[in-house]
Structures are given as structure tokens and as C-alpha cells.
Amino acid sequence: MWREGAALATLSEDLQPIREHMEEGMRILQGHPYQFVLREIETLAGRPQRLHEWARMGIELAEKYA
């Protein structure tokens, strides 16, 4: 299991650090079953679309490292 901190994923203006963190995990876990978890969500700071962006990044990277 790879846990993504919700504060970084939901409050950060720039998605690049989030992408790099996810990609690092997928490289490490490549060839093994895994799941990514966005943990402890308390706020989306008025940007509910961020969950969709985060999920799209995860899907894109999962396909890359499949």
C-alpha cells in the first residue's frame, strides 16, 4: 500500500510534486500488486475537482508502470 498525504494532494497548487511521489511509489512497487490510498481527507479547500485530477494521475501512472 502506498499512502498519499491528503494535505499535499488537496491543498498544493502544483501537482508535480504529487505526481513525482506517486511515480516513485509505482516504480518501487512495479511487478507487485499494490494500491494507492489518499488518506485522512479533511478538506478540498473548495476544489472538489482535485480528487478527479489525483485519480487521473494515478490511472495514467498505473498504466505506465503496468
C-alpha atoms as a PDB file:
ATOM      1  CA  MET A   1       0.000   0.000   0.000  1.00  0.00           C
ATOM      2  CA  TRP A   2       1.299   3.469  -0.893  1.00  0.00           C
ATOM      3  CA  ARG A   3      -0.226   6.259   1.178  1.00  0.00           C
ATOM      4  CA  GLU A   4      -0.534   9.749  -0.208  1.00  0.00           C
ATOM      5  CA  GLY A   5      -0.864  12.574   2.314  1.00  0.00           C
ATOM      6  CA  ALA A   6      -4.153  14.339   1.716  1.00  0.00           C
ATOM      7  CA  ALA A   7      -2.783  17.796   2.522  1.00  0.00           C
ATOM      8  CA  LEU A   8      -0.267  17.617  -0.313  1.00  0.00           C
ATOM      9  CA  ALA A   9      -2.789  16.193  -2.748  1.00  0.00           C
ATOM     10  CA  THR A  10      -5.660  18.539  -1.951  1.00  0.00           C
ATOM     11  CA  LEU A  11      -4.039  21.829  -0.964  1.00  0.00           C
ATOM     12  CA  SER A  12      -0.948  22.048  -3.155  1.00  0.00           C
ATOM     13  CA  GLU A  13      -1.153  24.473  -6.076  1.00  0.00           C
ATOM     14  CA  ASP A  14       1.324  22.456  -8.135  1.00  0.00           C
ATOM     15  CA  LEU A  15       0.514  18.839  -8.970  1.00  0.00           C
ATOM     16  CA  GLN A  16       4.098  17.983  -9.998  1.00  0.00           C
ATOM     17  CA  PRO A  17       5.344  17.029  -6.500  1.00  0.00           C
ATOM     18  CA  ILE A  18       2.301  14.787  -6.099  1.00  0.00           C
ATOM     19  CA  ARG A  19       2.974  13.170  -9.462  1.00  0.00           C
ATOM     20  CA  GLU A  20       6.635  12.588  -8.566  1.00  0.00           C
ATOM     21  CA  HIS A  21       5.665  10.970  -5.247  1.00  0.00           C
ATOM     22  CA  MET A  22       3.147   8.670  -6.948  1.00  0.00           C
ATOM     23  CA  GLU A  23       5.593   7.763  -9.689  1.00  0.00           C
ATOM     24  CA  GLU A  24       8.298   6.935  -7.149  1.00  0.00           C
ATOM     25  CA  GLY A  25       5.906   4.520  -5.460  1.00  0.00           C
ATOM     26  CA  MET A  26       4.868   2.874  -8.692  1.00  0.00           C
ATOM     27  CA  ARG A  27       8.483   2.389  -9.743  1.00  0.00           C
ATOM     28  CA  ILE A  28       9.263   0.768  -6.387  1.00  0.00           C
ATOM     29  CA  LEU A  29       6.175  -1.455  -6.488  1.00  0.00           C
ATOM     30  CA  GLN A  30       6.301  -2.334 -10.184  1.00  0.00           C
ATOM     31  CA  GLY A  31       5.652  -6.028 -10.721  1.00  0.00           C
ATOM     32  CA  HIS A  32       3.819  -6.414  -7.398  1.00  0.00           C
ATOM     33  CA  PRO A  33       0.163  -5.926  -6.522  1.00  0.00           C
ATOM     34  CA  TYR A  34      -0.391  -2.566  -4.829  1.00  0.00           C
ATOM     35  CA  GLN A  35      -2.948   0.080  -4.016  1.00  0.00           C
ATOM     36  CA  PHE A  36      -2.652   3.833  -3.618  1.00  0.00           C
ATOM     37  CA  VAL A  37      -4.592   5.449  -0.806  1.00  0.00           C
ATOM     38  CA  LEU A  38      -5.403   9.105  -0.312  1.00  0.00           C
ATOM     39  CA  ARG A  39      -5.575   9.212   3.456  1.00  0.00           C
ATOM     40  CA  GLU A  40      -7.268  11.428   6.008  1.00  0.00           C
ATOM     41  CA  ILE A  41      -9.085  13.880   3.754  1.00  0.00           C
ATOM     42  CA  GLU A  42     -10.411  16.738   5.861  1.00  0.00           C
ATOM     43  CA  THR A  43     -10.888  19.430   3.221  1.00  0.00           C
ATOM     44  CA  LEU A  44     -10.693  20.003  -0.502  1.00  0.00           C
ATOM     45  CA  ALA A  45     -10.318  23.758   0.001  1.00  0.00           C
ATOM     46  CA  GLY A  46     -13.227  24.401  -2.350  1.00  0.00           C
ATOM     47  CA  ARG A  47     -11.637  22.349  -5.166  1.00  0.00           C
ATOM     48  CA  PRO A  48     -13.510  19.053  -5.442  1.00  0.00           C
ATOM     49  CA  GLN A  49     -12.019  18.555  -8.918  1.00  0.00           C
ATOM     50  CA  ARG A  50      -8.672  17.862  -7.232  1.00  0.00           C
ATOM     51  CA  LEU A  51      -9.855  14.332  -6.394  1.00  0.00           C
ATOM     52  CA  HIS A  52     -10.510  13.710 -10.079  1.00  0.00           C
ATOM     53  CA  GLU A  53      -7.094  15.117 -11.006  1.00  0.00           C
ATOM     54  CA  TRP A  54      -5.396  12.919  -8.403  1.00  0.00           C
ATOM     55  CA  ALA A  55      -7.261   9.821  -9.605  1.00  0.00           C
ATOM     56  CA  ARG A  56      -6.433  10.575 -13.266  1.00  0.00           C
ATOM     57  CA  MET A  57      -2.745  10.879 -12.404  1.00  0.00           C
ATOM     58  CA  GLY A  58      -2.879   7.573 -10.589  1.00  0.00           C
ATOM     59  CA  ILE A  59      -4.554   5.803 -13.501  1.00  0.00           C
ATOM     60  CA  GLU A  60      -2.121   7.292 -16.010  1.00  0.00           C
ATOM     61  CA  LEU A  61       0.905   6.264 -13.960  1.00  0.00           C
ATOM     62  CA  ALA A  62      -0.518   2.803 -13.229  1.00  0.00           C
ATOM     63  CA  GLU A  63      -0.878   2.240 -16.965  1.00  0.00           C
ATOM     64  CA  LYS A  64       2.704   3.434 -17.499  1.00  0.00           C
ATOM     65  CA  TYR A  65       4.109   1.024 -14.908  1.00  0.00           C
ATOM     66  CA  ALA A  66       1.761  -1.914 -15.584  1.00  0.00           C
END
